[in-house]
C-alpha atoms as a PDB file:
ATOM      1  CA  MET A   1       2.111 -12.977 -18.681  1.00  0.00           C
ATOM      2  CA  ARG A   2       4.723 -10.253 -18.420  1.00  0.00           C
ATOM      3  CA  ILE A   3       3.845  -7.875 -15.591  1.00  0.00           C
ATOM      4  CA  PHE A   4       5.491  -4.479 -15.066  1.00  0.00           C
ATOM      5  CA  VAL A   5       5.234  -3.502 -11.368  1.00  0.00           C
ATOM      6  CA  THR A   6       6.070   0.045 -10.282  1.00  0.00           C
ATOM      7  CA  GLY A   7       7.113   0.391  -6.647  1.00  0.00           C
ATOM      8  CA  GLY A   8       7.920  -3.296  -6.367  1.00  0.00           C
ATOM      9  CA  ALA A   9      10.490  -2.740  -3.612  1.00  0.00           C
ATOM     10  CA  GLY A  10       7.964  -1.048  -1.320  1.00  0.00           C
ATOM     11  CA  PHE A  11       5.640  -2.635   1.208  1.00  0.00           C
ATOM     12  CA  ILE A  12       2.672  -3.672  -0.952  1.00  0.00           C
ATOM     13  CA  GLY A  13       4.666  -3.867  -4.184  1.00  0.00           C
ATOM     14  CA  SER A  14       7.212  -6.298  -2.755  1.00  0.00           C
ATOM     15  CA  ALA A  15       4.426  -8.450  -1.326  1.00  0.00           C
ATOM     16  CA  LEU A  16       2.930  -8.607  -4.833  1.00  0.00           C
ATOM     17  CA  VAL A  17       6.305  -9.504  -6.349  1.00  0.00           C
ATOM     18  CA  ARG A  18       6.915 -12.284  -3.832  1.00  0.00           C
ATOM     19  CA  HIS A  19       3.379 -13.613  -4.250  1.00  0.00           C
ATOM     20  CA  LEU A  20       3.497 -13.722  -8.047  1.00  0.00           C
ATOM     21  CA  ILE A  21       6.916 -15.376  -8.171  1.00  0.00           C
ATOM     22  CA  ASP A  22       5.855 -17.949  -5.576  1.00  0.00           C
ATOM     23  CA  HIS A  23       2.373 -18.747  -6.881  1.00  0.00           C
ATOM     24  CA  THR A  24       2.210 -18.007 -10.635  1.00  0.00           C
ATOM     25  CA  LYS A  25       4.240 -18.441 -13.814  1.00  0.00           C
ATOM     26  CA  HIS A  26       4.177 -14.720 -14.658  1.00  0.00           C
ATOM     27  CA  GLU A  27       7.381 -12.854 -15.547  1.00  0.00           C
ATOM     28  CA  LEU A  28       7.949  -9.669 -13.542  1.00  0.00           C
ATOM     29  CA  LEU A  29       9.803  -6.415 -13.991  1.00  0.00           C
ATOM     30  CA  ASN A  30      10.193  -4.499 -10.731  1.00  0.00           C
ATOM     31  CA  PHE A  31      10.620  -0.782 -11.543  1.00  0.00           C
ATOM     32  CA  ASP A  32      11.463   1.135  -8.367  1.00  0.00           C
ATOM     33  CA  LYS A  33      13.339   4.348  -7.516  1.00  0.00           C
ATOM     34  CA  LEU A  34      14.494   2.955  -4.152  1.00  0.00           C
ATOM     35  CA  THR A  35      13.515   5.949  -2.049  1.00  0.00           C
ATOM     36  CA  TYR A  36      13.650   5.769   1.761  1.00  0.00           C
ATOM     37  CA  ALA A  37      10.521   3.574   1.580  1.00  0.00           C
ATOM     38  CA  GLY A  38      11.923   1.017  -0.866  1.00  0.00           C
ATOM     39  CA  SER A  39      14.510  -1.663  -0.249  1.00  0.00           C
ATOM     40  CA  LEU A  40      15.699  -4.608  -2.317  1.00  0.00           C
ATOM     41  CA  SER A  41      15.860  -6.586   0.926  1.00  0.00           C
ATOM     42  CA  THR A  42      12.077  -6.983   0.611  1.00  0.00           C
ATOM     43  CA  VAL A  43      12.481  -9.047  -2.589  1.00  0.00           C
ATOM     44  CA  GLU A  44      15.833 -10.645  -1.844  1.00  0.00           C
ATOM     45  CA  ARG A  45      14.248 -14.081  -1.491  1.00  0.00           C
ATOM     46  CA  VAL A  46      13.008 -14.097  -5.111  1.00  0.00           C
ATOM     47  CA  ALA A  47      15.706 -11.951  -6.746  1.00  0.00           C
ATOM     48  CA  ALA A  48      17.547 -14.926  -8.276  1.00  0.00           C
ATOM     49  CA  ASN A  49      14.426 -16.317  -9.949  1.00  0.00           C
ATOM     50  CA  THR A  50      14.704 -16.337 -13.745  1.00  0.00           C
ATOM     51  CA  ARG A  51      11.192 -14.833 -14.071  1.00  0.00           C
ATOM     52  CA  TYR A  52      12.185 -11.742 -12.045  1.00  0.00           C
ATOM     53  CA  ARG A  53      14.193  -8.700 -13.036  1.00  0.00           C
ATOM     54  CA  PHE A  54      14.784  -5.297 -11.444  1.00  0.00           C
ATOM     55  CA  VAL A  55      15.288  -1.838 -12.940  1.00  0.00           C
ATOM     56  CA  GLN A  56      16.038   1.134 -10.711  1.00  0.00           C
ATOM     57  CA  GLY A  57      14.041   4.012 -12.136  1.00  0.00           C
ATOM     58  CA  ASP A  58      11.828   6.979 -11.354  1.00  0.00           C
ATOM     59  CA  ILE A  59       8.233   7.001 -12.601  1.00  0.00           C
ATOM     60  CA  CYS A  60       8.647  10.754 -13.255  1.00  0.00           C
ATOM     61  CA  ASP A  61      11.503   9.988 -15.702  1.00  0.00           C
ATOM     62  CA  ALA A  62       9.692   9.521 -19.030  1.00  0.00           C
ATOM     63  CA  PRO A  63      12.686   8.213 -21.036  1.00  0.00           C
ATOM     64  CA  ALA A  64      13.489   5.639 -18.333  1.00  0.00           C
ATOM     65  CA  VAL A  65       9.868   4.450 -18.232  1.00  0.00           C
ATOM     66  CA  ALA A  66       9.662   4.289 -22.037  1.00  0.00           C
ATOM     67  CA  HIS A  67      12.929   2.341 -22.284  1.00  0.00           C
ATOM     68  CA  ALA A  68      11.835  -0.192 -19.660  1.00  0.00           C
ATOM     69  CA  LEU A  69       8.465  -0.690 -21.370  1.00  0.00           C
ATOM     70  CA  ARG A  70      10.056  -1.262 -24.784  1.00  0.00           C
ATOM     71  CA  ARG A  71      12.613  -3.705 -23.397  1.00  0.00           C
ATOM     72  CA  PHE A  72      10.192  -5.734 -21.274  1.00  0.00           C
ATOM     73  CA  GLN A  73       7.062  -5.614 -23.501  1.00  0.00           C
ATOM     74  CA  PRO A  74       4.538  -6.087 -20.646  1.00  0.00           C
ATOM     75  CA  GLN A  75       0.942  -7.224 -20.994  1.00  0.00           C
ATOM     76  CA  ILE A  76       0.021  -5.833 -17.555  1.00  0.00           C
ATOM     77  CA  VAL A  77       1.210  -2.715 -15.740  1.00  0.00           C
ATOM     78  CA  VAL A  78       0.463  -2.625 -12.003  1.00  0.00           C
ATOM     79  CA  HIS A  79       1.118   0.902 -10.781  1.00  0.00           C
ATOM     80  CA  LEU A  80       1.938   0.895  -7.060  1.00  0.00           C
ATOM     81  CA  ALA A  81       4.755   3.444  -6.833  1.00  0.00           C
ATOM     82  CA  ALA A  82       3.635   6.305  -4.590  1.00  0.00           C
ATOM     83  CA  GLU A  83       4.486   8.437  -1.601  1.00  0.00           C
ATOM     84  CA  SER A  84       2.089   7.129   1.023  1.00  0.00           C
ATOM     85  CA  HIS A  85       2.708   8.468   4.536  1.00  0.00           C
ATOM     86  CA  VAL A  86       0.066  11.011   5.576  1.00  0.00           C
ATOM     87  CA  ASP A  87       2.254  12.662   8.213  1.00  0.00           C
ATOM     88  CA  ARG A  88       5.048  13.243   5.702  1.00  0.00           C
ATOM     89  CA  SER A  89       2.547  14.758   3.257  1.00  0.00           C
ATOM     90  CA  ILE A  90       1.572  17.352   5.876  1.00  0.00           C
ATOM     91  CA  ASP A  91       5.177  18.448   6.408  1.00  0.00           C
ATOM     92  CA  ALA A  92       6.455  18.098   2.816  1.00  0.00           C
ATOM     93  CA  PRO A  93       3.637  17.782   0.247  1.00  0.00           C
ATOM     94  CA  GLU A  94       5.749  18.537  -2.847  1.00  0.00           C
ATOM     95  CA  ALA A  95       7.116  14.991  -3.110  1.00  0.00           C
ATOM     96  CA  PHE A  96       3.548  13.667  -3.052  1.00  0.00           C
ATOM     97  CA  ILE A  97       2.459  15.971  -5.876  1.00  0.00           C
ATOM     98  CA  GLN A  98       5.463  15.018  -7.970  1.00  0.00           C
ATOM     99  CA  THR A  99       5.374  11.264  -7.444  1.00  0.00           C
ATOM    100  CA  ASN A 100       1.668  10.601  -7.134  1.00  0.00           C
ATOM    101  CA  ILE A 101       0.316  13.052  -9.717  1.00  0.00           C
ATOM    102  CA  VAL A 102       3.169  13.856 -12.116  1.00  0.00           C
ATOM    103  CA  GLY A 103       4.521  10.315 -11.854  1.00  0.00           C
ATOM    104  CA  THR A 104       1.136   8.788 -12.627  1.00  0.00           C
ATOM    105  CA  TYR A 105       0.719  11.158 -15.585  1.00  0.00           C
ATOM    106  CA  THR A 106       4.162  10.109 -16.864  1.00  0.00           C
ATOM    107  CA  MET A 107       3.270   6.434 -16.528  1.00  0.00           C
ATOM    108  CA  LEU A 108      -0.029   6.918 -18.353  1.00  0.00           C
ATOM    109  CA  SER A 109       1.586   8.900 -21.154  1.00  0.00           C
ATOM    110  CA  GLU A 110       4.407   6.432 -21.749  1.00  0.00           C
ATOM    111  CA  VAL A 111       2.176   3.376 -21.366  1.00  0.00           C
ATOM    112  CA  GLN A 112      -0.252   4.907 -23.851  1.00  0.00           C
ATOM    113  CA  SER A 113       2.545   5.344 -26.399  1.00  0.00           C
ATOM    114  CA  TYR A 114       3.682   1.751 -25.846  1.00  0.00           C
ATOM    115  CA  TRP A 115       0.117   0.392 -25.910  1.00  0.00           C
ATOM    116  CA  ARG A 116      -0.548   2.000 -29.306  1.00  0.00           C
ATOM    117  CA  THR A 117       2.327   0.018 -30.822  1.00  0.00           C
ATOM    118  CA  LEU A 118       0.625  -3.291 -29.989  1.00  0.00           C
ATOM    119  CA  GLY A 119      -1.537  -5.292 -32.335  1.00  0.00           C
ATOM    120  CA  ALA A 120      -5.323  -5.124 -31.977  1.00  0.00           C
ATOM    121  CA  ASP A 121      -5.619  -8.320 -29.889  1.00  0.00           C
ATOM    122  CA  ALA A 122      -2.747  -7.332 -27.611  1.00  0.00           C
ATOM    123  CA  ARG A 123      -4.210  -3.844 -27.104  1.00  0.00           C
ATOM    124  CA  GLY A 124      -7.518  -5.385 -26.075  1.00  0.00           C
ATOM    125  CA  ALA A 125      -5.866  -7.811 -23.639  1.00  0.00           C
ATOM    126  CA  PHE A 126      -3.584  -5.174 -22.104  1.00  0.00           C
ATOM    127  CA  ARG A 127      -4.357  -3.754 -18.630  1.00  0.00           C
ATOM    128  CA  PHE A 128      -3.142  -0.694 -16.707  1.00  0.00           C
ATOM    129  CA  HIS A 129      -3.979  -1.354 -13.053  1.00  0.00           C
ATOM    130  CA  HIS A 130      -3.759   1.675 -10.768  1.00  0.00           C
ATOM    131  CA  VAL A 131      -3.567   0.881  -7.030  1.00  0.00           C
ATOM    132  CA  SER A 132      -5.128   3.573  -4.855  1.00  0.00           C
ATOM    133  CA  THR A 133      -6.476   4.056  -1.334  1.00  0.00           C
ATOM    134  CA  ASP A 134      -9.798   4.427   0.452  1.00  0.00           C
ATOM    135  CA  GLU A 135      -8.492   7.723   1.855  1.00  0.00           C
ATOM    136  CA  VAL A 136      -9.559   9.490  -1.355  1.00  0.00           C
ATOM    137  CA  PHE A 137     -13.163   9.185  -0.098  1.00  0.00           C
ATOM    138  CA  GLY A 138     -12.544  11.212   3.042  1.00  0.00           C
ATOM    139  CA  SER A 139     -13.982  10.400   6.454  1.00  0.00           C
ATOM    140  CA  LEU A 140     -17.026   8.326   7.386  1.00  0.00           C
ATOM    141  CA  GLY A 141     -19.361   8.903  10.307  1.00  0.00           C
ATOM    142  CA  GLU A 142     -20.269   6.152  12.736  1.00  0.00           C
ATOM    143  CA  ASP A 143     -22.244   4.280  10.066  1.00  0.00           C
ATOM    144  CA  GLY A 144     -21.834   3.429   6.408  1.00  0.00           C
ATOM    145  CA  LEU A 145     -19.153   2.000   4.118  1.00  0.00           C
ATOM    146  CA  PHE A 146     -17.120   3.267   1.182  1.00  0.00           C
ATOM    147  CA  THR A 147     -18.362   1.829  -2.125  1.00  0.00           C
ATOM    148  CA  GLU A 148     -16.992   2.160  -5.630  1.00  0.00           C
ATOM    149  CA  THR A 149     -19.418   5.043  -6.208  1.00  0.00           C
ATOM    150  CA  SER A 150     -18.551   7.011  -3.046  1.00  0.00           C
ATOM    151  CA  ALA A 151     -17.851  10.696  -3.682  1.00  0.00           C
ATOM    152  CA  TYR A 152     -14.253  11.843  -3.494  1.00  0.00           C
ATOM    153  CA  ASP A 153     -13.495  14.000  -0.453  1.00  0.00           C
ATOM    154  CA  PRO A 154      -9.739  13.840   0.303  1.00  0.00           C
ATOM    155  CA  ARG A 155      -8.630  15.490   3.555  1.00  0.00           C
ATOM    156  CA  SER A 156      -4.813  15.332   3.496  1.00  0.00           C
ATOM    157  CA  PRO A 157      -2.168  16.257   0.901  1.00  0.00           C
ATOM    158  CA  TYR A 158      -1.522  12.526   0.509  1.00  0.00           C
ATOM    159  CA  SER A 159      -5.130  11.582  -0.196  1.00  0.00           C
ATOM    160  CA  ALA A 160      -5.573  14.629  -2.443  1.00  0.00           C
ATOM    161  CA  SER A 161      -2.584  13.554  -4.531  1.00  0.00           C
ATOM    162  CA  LYS A 162      -3.958  10.023  -4.825  1.00  0.00           C
ATOM    163  CA  ALA A 163      -7.373  11.397  -5.793  1.00  0.00           C
ATOM    164  CA  GLY A 164      -5.680  13.407  -8.532  1.00  0.00           C
ATOM    165  CA  SER A 165      -3.922  10.313  -9.831  1.00  0.00           C
ATOM    166  CA  ASP A 166      -7.214   8.390  -9.814  1.00  0.00           C
ATOM    167  CA  HIS A 167      -8.861  11.044 -11.971  1.00  0.00           C
ATOM    168  CA  LEU A 168      -5.985  10.944 -14.450  1.00  0.00           C
ATOM    169  CA  VAL A 169      -6.292   7.172 -14.801  1.00  0.00           C
ATOM    170  CA  SER A 170     -10.044   7.420 -15.285  1.00  0.00           C
ATOM    171  CA  ALA A 171      -9.572  10.165 -17.884  1.00  0.00           C
ATOM    172  CA  TRP A 172      -7.069   8.079 -19.866  1.00  0.00           C
ATOM    173  CA  GLY A 173      -9.563   5.241 -19.927  1.00  0.00           C
ATOM    174  CA  HIS A 174     -12.429   7.435 -21.116  1.00  0.00           C
ATOM    175  CA  THR A 175     -10.493   9.684 -23.491  1.00  0.00           C
ATOM    176  CA  HIS A 176      -7.949   7.320 -24.999  1.00  0.00           C
ATOM    177  CA  GLY A 177      -9.707   3.990 -24.572  1.00  0.00           C
ATOM    178  CA  MET A 178      -6.866   2.474 -22.552  1.00  0.00           C
ATOM    179  CA  PRO A 179      -8.003  -0.645 -20.644  1.00  0.00           C
ATOM    180  CA  VAL A 180      -7.604   0.686 -17.115  1.00  0.00           C
ATOM    181  CA  LEU A 181      -8.446  -0.860 -13.760  1.00  0.00           C
ATOM    182  CA  MET A 182      -8.468   0.801 -10.352  1.00  0.00           C
ATOM    183  CA  THR A 183      -8.490  -0.555  -6.811  1.00  0.00           C
ATOM    184  CA  HIS A 184      -8.995   1.207  -3.476  1.00  0.00           C
ATOM    185  CA  CYS A 185      -7.725  -0.614  -0.416  1.00  0.00           C
ATOM    186  CA  SER A 186      -8.115  -0.110   3.307  1.00  0.00           C
ATOM    187  CA  ASN A 187      -5.178   0.051   5.764  1.00  0.00           C
ATOM    188  CA  ASN A 188      -2.626  -2.673   5.062  1.00  0.00           C
ATOM    189  CA  TYR A 189      -0.380  -4.412   7.596  1.00  0.00           C
ATOM    190  CA  GLY A 190       2.023  -7.324   7.534  1.00  0.00           C
ATOM    191  CA  PRO A 191       5.730  -8.135   7.017  1.00  0.00           C
ATOM    192  CA  TYR A 192       8.222  -5.621   5.593  1.00  0.00           C
ATOM    193  CA  HIS A 193       6.047  -2.650   6.587  1.00  0.00           C
ATOM    194  CA  LEU A 194       8.188   0.415   7.326  1.00  0.00           C
ATOM    195  CA  PRO A 195       8.174   1.259  11.039  1.00  0.00           C
ATOM    196  CA  GLU A 196       6.718   4.723  10.424  1.00  0.00           C
ATOM    197  CA  LYS A 197       3.240   3.137  10.168  1.00  0.00           C
ATOM    198  CA  LEU A 198       1.092   2.330  13.201  1.00  0.00           C
ATOM    199  CA  ILE A 199       1.402  -1.424  13.718  1.00  0.00           C
ATOM    200  CA  PRO A 200       5.144  -1.925  13.103  1.00  0.00           C
ATOM    201  CA  LEU A 201       5.927   1.289  14.967  1.00  0.00           C
ATOM    202  CA  MET A 202       3.988   0.105  18.025  1.00  0.00           C
ATOM    203  CA  ILE A 203       5.659  -3.316  17.979  1.00  0.00           C
ATOM    204  CA  ILE A 204       9.128  -1.790  17.801  1.00  0.00           C
ATOM    205  CA  LYS A 205       8.436   0.895  20.413  1.00  0.00           C
ATOM    206  CA  ALA A 206       7.058  -1.752  22.757  1.00  0.00           C
ATOM    207  CA  VAL A 207       9.972  -4.185  22.518  1.00  0.00           C
ATOM    208  CA  SER A 208      12.423  -1.273  22.783  1.00  0.00           C
ATOM    209  CA  GLY A 209      10.847  -0.174  26.070  1.00  0.00           C
ATOM    210  CA  GLU A 210       9.825   3.214  24.652  1.00  0.00           C
ATOM    211  CA  PRO A 211       6.526   5.110  24.938  1.00  0.00           C
ATOM    212  CA  MET A 212       3.908   3.957  22.418  1.00  0.00           C
ATOM    213  CA  PRO A 213       2.336   7.176  21.085  1.00  0.00           C
ATOM    214  CA  ILE A 214      -1.354   7.221  20.116  1.00  0.00           C
ATOM    215  CA  TYR A 215      -2.731  10.225  18.252  1.00  0.00           C
ATOM    216  CA  GLY A 216      -5.445  12.031  20.203  1.00  0.00           C
ATOM    217  CA  HIS A 217      -7.998   9.853  21.959  1.00  0.00           C
ATOM    218  CA  GLY A 218      -7.191   6.806  19.841  1.00  0.00           C
ATOM    219  CA  GLY A 219     -10.774   6.355  18.702  1.00  0.00           C
ATOM    220  CA  HIS A 220     -10.083   6.710  14.966  1.00  0.00           C
ATOM    221  CA  VAL A 221     -11.347   3.630  13.136  1.00  0.00           C
ATOM    222  CA  ARG A 222      -9.633   1.786  10.292  1.00  0.00           C
ATOM    223  CA  ASP A 223     -10.530  -1.335   8.317  1.00  0.00           C
ATOM    224  CA  TRP A 224      -7.406  -3.504   8.495  1.00  0.00           C
ATOM    225  CA  LEU A 225      -6.327  -5.651   5.528  1.00  0.00           C
ATOM    226  CA  HIS A 226      -3.427  -8.085   5.631  1.00  0.00           C
ATOM    227  CA  VAL A 227      -1.034  -7.293   2.789  1.00  0.00           C
ATOM    228  CA  GLU A 228      -1.024 -10.879   1.524  1.00  0.00           C
ATOM    229  CA  ASP A 229      -4.812 -10.773   1.209  1.00  0.00           C
ATOM    230  CA  HIS A 230      -4.427  -7.489  -0.646  1.00  0.00           C
ATOM    231  CA  VAL A 231      -2.014  -8.847  -3.244  1.00  0.00           C
ATOM    232  CA  ARG A 232      -4.251 -11.862  -3.861  1.00  0.00           C
ATOM    233  CA  ALA A 233      -7.005  -9.348  -4.601  1.00  0.00           C
ATOM    234  CA  LEU A 234      -4.746  -7.373  -6.942  1.00  0.00           C
ATOM    235  CA  GLN A 235      -3.986 -10.525  -8.896  1.00  0.00           C
ATOM    236  CA  ALA A 236      -7.698 -11.300  -9.217  1.00  0.00           C
ATOM    237  CA  VAL A 237      -8.359  -7.781 -10.529  1.00  0.00           C
ATOM    238  CA  PHE A 238      -5.641  -7.558 -13.176  1.00  0.00           C
ATOM    239  CA  GLU A 239      -6.277 -11.122 -14.357  1.00  0.00           C
ATOM    240  CA  ARG A 240     -10.094 -11.102 -14.379  1.00  0.00           C
ATOM    241  CA  GLY A 241     -11.348  -7.559 -13.680  1.00  0.00           C
ATOM    242  CA  ILE A 242     -13.485  -5.643 -16.162  1.00  0.00           C
ATOM    243  CA  PRO A 243     -11.643  -2.707 -17.800  1.00  0.00           C
ATOM    244  CA  GLY A 244     -13.001   0.646 -16.718  1.00  0.00           C
ATOM    245  CA  ARG A 245     -14.185  -0.644 -13.348  1.00  0.00           C
ATOM    246  CA  SER A 246     -12.860   0.033  -9.883  1.00  0.00           C
ATOM    247  CA  TYR A 247     -12.830  -2.485  -7.040  1.00  0.00           C
ATOM    248  CA  ASN A 248     -12.735  -1.805  -3.296  1.00  0.00           C
ATOM    249  CA  ILE A 249     -10.547  -4.143  -1.245  1.00  0.00           C
ATOM    250  CA  GLY A 250     -11.093  -4.339   2.514  1.00  0.00           C
ATOM    251  CA  GLY A 251     -10.383  -6.755   5.324  1.00  0.00           C
ATOM    252  CA  ASN A 252     -13.788  -6.457   7.041  1.00  0.00           C
ATOM    253  CA  SER A 253     -11.835  -5.756  10.243  1.00  0.00           C
ATOM    254  CA  GLU A 254     -12.774  -2.380  11.674  1.00  0.00           C
ATOM    255  CA  GLN A 255     -10.728  -1.475  14.732  1.00  0.00           C
ATOM    256  CA  GLN A 256     -10.116   1.678  16.724  1.00  0.00           C
ATOM    257  CA  ASN A 257      -6.438   2.625  16.789  1.00  0.00           C
ATOM    258  CA  ILE A 258      -6.340   2.209  20.562  1.00  0.00           C
ATOM    259  CA  GLU A 259      -7.805  -1.296  20.195  1.00  0.00           C
ATOM    260  CA  VAL A 260      -5.099  -2.174  17.681  1.00  0.00           C
ATOM    261  CA  VAL A 261      -2.346  -1.023  20.016  1.00  0.00           C
ATOM    262  CA  ARG A 262      -3.843  -2.862  22.977  1.00  0.00           C
ATOM    263  CA  ALA A 263      -4.017  -6.024  20.846  1.00  0.00           C
ATOM    264  CA  VAL A 264      -0.323  -5.618  19.980  1.00  0.00           C
ATOM    265  CA  CYS A 265       0.451  -5.238  23.693  1.00  0.00           C
ATOM    266  CA  ALA A 266      -1.547  -8.344  24.601  1.00  0.00           C
ATOM    267  CA  LEU A 267       0.327 -10.431  22.019  1.00  0.00           C
ATOM    268  CA  LEU A 268       3.690  -9.138  23.199  1.00  0.00           C
ATOM    269  CA  ASP A 269       2.731  -9.817  26.833  1.00  0.00           C
ATOM    270  CA  GLU A 270       2.194 -13.429  25.750  1.00  0.00           C
ATOM    271  CA  ILE A 271       5.085 -13.896  23.303  1.00  0.00           C
ATOM    272  CA  ARG A 272       7.751 -11.467  24.591  1.00  0.00           C
ATOM    273  CA  PRO A 273       6.835 -10.397  28.150  1.00  0.00           C
ATOM    274  CA  ARG A 274       8.569  -7.486  29.835  1.00  0.00           C
ATOM    275  CA  VAL A 275      11.313  -8.439  32.261  1.00  0.00           C
ATOM    276  CA  ASP A 276       9.606  -6.464  35.045  1.00  0.00           C
ATOM    277  CA  GLY A 277       6.397  -8.511  34.628  1.00  0.00           C
ATOM    278  CA  LYS A 278       4.277  -5.467  33.727  1.00  0.00           C
ATOM    279  CA  SER A 279       2.083  -5.223  30.652  1.00  0.00           C
ATOM    280  CA  HIS A 280       3.360  -3.460  27.547  1.00  0.00           C
ATOM    281  CA  SER A 281       0.112  -1.474  27.648  1.00  0.00           C
ATOM    282  CA  GLU A 282       1.671   0.658  30.394  1.00  0.00           C
ATOM    283  CA  GLN A 283       3.876   2.155  27.660  1.00  0.00           C
ATOM    284  CA  ILE A 284       0.862   3.598  25.797  1.00  0.00           C
ATOM    285  CA  THR A 285       0.836   7.397  25.747  1.00  0.00           C
ATOM    286  CA  HIS A 286      -1.518   9.891  24.082  1.00  0.00           C
ATOM    287  CA  VAL A 287      -0.022  12.700  21.977  1.00  0.00           C
ATOM    288  CA  ASP A 288      -1.393  15.632  19.991  1.00  0.00           C
ATOM    289  CA  ASP A 289      -3.630  14.479  17.176  1.00  0.00           C
ATOM    290  CA  ARG A 290      -2.734  14.741  13.496  1.00  0.00           C
ATOM    291  CA  PRO A 291      -4.263  17.789  11.752  1.00  0.00           C
ATOM    292  CA  GLY A 292      -7.350  16.786   9.759  1.00  0.00           C
ATOM    293  CA  HIS A 293      -7.263  13.228  11.100  1.00  0.00           C
ATOM    294  CA  ASP A 294     -10.074  11.238   9.406  1.00  0.00           C
ATOM    295  CA  ALA A 295     -12.427   9.676  11.944  1.00  0.00           C
ATOM    296  CA  ARG A 296     -13.305   6.423  10.236  1.00  0.00           C
ATOM    297  CA  TYR A 297     -12.653   4.370   7.097  1.00  0.00           C
ATOM    298  CA  ALA A 298     -14.564   1.203   6.228  1.00  0.00           C
ATOM    299  CA  ILE A 299     -14.787  -0.702   2.934  1.00  0.00           C
ATOM    300  CA  ASP A 300     -17.678  -2.415   1.187  1.00  0.00           C
ATOM    301  CA  ALA A 301     -15.841  -5.159  -0.732  1.00  0.00           C
ATOM    302  CA  SER A 302     -18.964  -6.839  -2.102  1.00  0.00           C
ATOM    303  CA  ARG A 303     -18.144  -6.089  -5.764  1.00  0.00           C
ATOM    304  CA  ILE A 304     -14.801  -7.898  -5.778  1.00  0.00           C
ATOM    305  CA  ARG A 305     -16.331 -10.741  -3.785  1.00  0.00           C
ATOM    306  CA  GLU A 306     -19.306 -11.187  -6.096  1.00  0.00           C
ATOM    307  CA  GLU A 307     -17.576 -10.546  -9.445  1.00  0.00           C
ATOM    308  CA  LEU A 308     -14.128 -12.061  -8.862  1.00  0.00           C
ATOM    309  CA  GLY A 309     -14.650 -14.423  -5.933  1.00  0.00           C
ATOM    310  CA  TRP A 310     -12.056 -12.791  -3.655  1.00  0.00           C
ATOM    311  CA  VAL A 311     -12.438 -12.857   0.122  1.00  0.00           C
ATOM    312  CA  PRO A 312      -9.763 -12.195   2.769  1.00  0.00           C
ATOM    313  CA  GLN A 313      -8.159 -15.302   4.217  1.00  0.00           C
ATOM    314  CA  GLU A 314      -6.738 -13.642   7.331  1.00  0.00           C
ATOM    315  CA  SER A 315      -8.812 -12.388  10.225  1.00  0.00           C
ATOM    316  CA  PHE A 316      -7.381  -9.422  12.094  1.00  0.00           C
ATOM    317  CA  THR A 317      -6.580 -11.746  15.008  1.00  0.00           C
ATOM    318  CA  SER A 318      -4.639 -14.249  12.898  1.00  0.00           C
ATOM    319  CA  GLY A 319      -2.960 -11.610  10.753  1.00  0.00           C
ATOM    320  CA  LEU A 320      -1.835  -9.494  13.689  1.00  0.00           C
ATOM    321  CA  ARG A 321      -0.288 -12.487  15.448  1.00  0.00           C
ATOM    322  CA  LYS A 322       1.684 -13.372  12.309  1.00  0.00           C
ATOM    323  CA  THR A 323       2.791  -9.758  11.964  1.00  0.00           C
ATOM    324  CA  VAL A 324       3.970  -9.416  15.565  1.00  0.00           C
ATOM    325  CA  GLU A 325       5.865 -12.707  15.312  1.00  0.00           C
ATOM    326  CA  TRP A 326       7.502 -11.602  12.039  1.00  0.00           C
ATOM    327  CA  TYR A 327       8.835  -8.372  13.548  1.00  0.00           C
ATOM    328  CA  LEU A 328      10.144 -10.197  16.592  1.00  0.00           C
ATOM    329  CA  GLN A 329      11.951 -12.682  14.341  1.00  0.00           C
ATOM    330  CA  ASN A 330      13.314 -10.123  11.856  1.00  0.00           C
ATOM    331  CA  ARG A 331      15.101  -7.441  13.869  1.00  0.00           C
ATOM    332  CA  ASP A 332      17.946  -7.720  11.348  1.00  0.00           C
ATOM    333  CA  TRP A 333      15.593  -6.221   8.740  1.00  0.00           C
ATOM    334  CA  TRP A 334      14.126  -3.270  10.644  1.00  0.00           C
ATOM    335  CA  GLU A 335      16.987  -2.266  12.938  1.00  0.00           C
ATOM    336  CA  PRO A 336      19.265  -1.069  10.082  1.00  0.00           C
ATOM    337  CA  ILE A 337      16.323   0.849   8.578  1.00  0.00           C
ATOM    338  CA  LEU A 338      15.718   2.675  11.839  1.00  0.00           C
ATOM    339  CA  ALA A 339      19.407   3.428  12.166  1.00  0.00           C
ATOM    340  CA  SER A 340      19.902   4.771   8.639  1.00  0.00           C
ATOM    341  CA  ARG A 341      16.670   6.578   7.737  1.00  0.00           C
ATOM    342  CA  GLN A 342      14.477   9.360   9.082  1.00  0.00           C
ATOM    343  CA  ILE A 343      11.874   6.966  10.463  1.00  0.00           C
ATOM    344  CA  GLY A 344      10.138   6.585  13.794  1.00  0.00           C
ATOM    345  CA  HIS A 345      10.064  10.192  15.005  1.00  0.00           C
ATOM    346  CA  ARG A 346       6.955  12.370  15.133  1.00  0.00           C
ATOM    347  CA  GLN A 347       5.942  14.136  11.913  1.00  0.00           C
ATOM    348  CA  GLY A 348       2.815  15.821  10.589  1.00  0.00           C
ATOM    349  CA  LEU A 349       2.225  18.451  13.256  1.00  0.00           C
ATOM    350  CA  ALA A 350       1.978  21.222  10.618  1.00  0.00           C
ATOM    351  CA  ALA A 351       3.854  23.508  12.997  1.00  0.00           C
END
């Protein structure tokens, strides 16, 4: 099939691009604006493949989207392009409203126009797959899991913008009959993750001998999902999912943030010990918490398991080891990013 991927130079999008080129016969168009969070270095390994092509474009630019759709004639659109960093959304929410809400509206509008030009069979086989987040459901207490029927309760500008985009996608499915799919994932980690997010930031701070800042008490809980497990799930959904349905994707790996950071330290103590013989955990520091910091996320992924047969292949232990090793072996990827972009310093204080 021909698959149009928005945000294919970002963290999850590039993992999907690499996975599909490596493991399928699909043709791909990577449509990406190349903001601070996108880099063609993430897809460099597959860029010469004849089934891959790249177009630099903004999902808010309707003519650019329409032109790319007409030229490529996709059968699947996987919409991943989004602003995604909660801290940035606290300081500068406008970009999140524009990209996540207006951009998703633009994609839906232009895809709808393209979709209506297709024959009846092609319209029925077409899919618009919107990739969202479990953060739209808000914060859990000590018990319970997010399901596909959980009520929306976003707590940050980021999650509110993603909730808005979800509702637009659902509305286009109900009102216009477009075959839409939606997925909500838990916290991803893995290679090519920008070092503004917890796990890569902690690895880099540790090996650089810097303090490793933990928000508040560090007891916030997340369900961690390796990005390569996530993209296998995305493939299962857009190939076999039922139009109009949403699917939750989780790693079944709940961890407190402080536990995650201690696990990173333990791996580094083993693989890259400090020259002074001390543990990297001595670099852990506690800083002011993020405003409105959700206490706990956890995913019930039983629907995708039962309907599509997907289960994660990585445990948190195995996935974290692979991730730490990747960052240690790929300084030439993340060092230039740190040097050239506004990444790694504290944001989201709402001061």
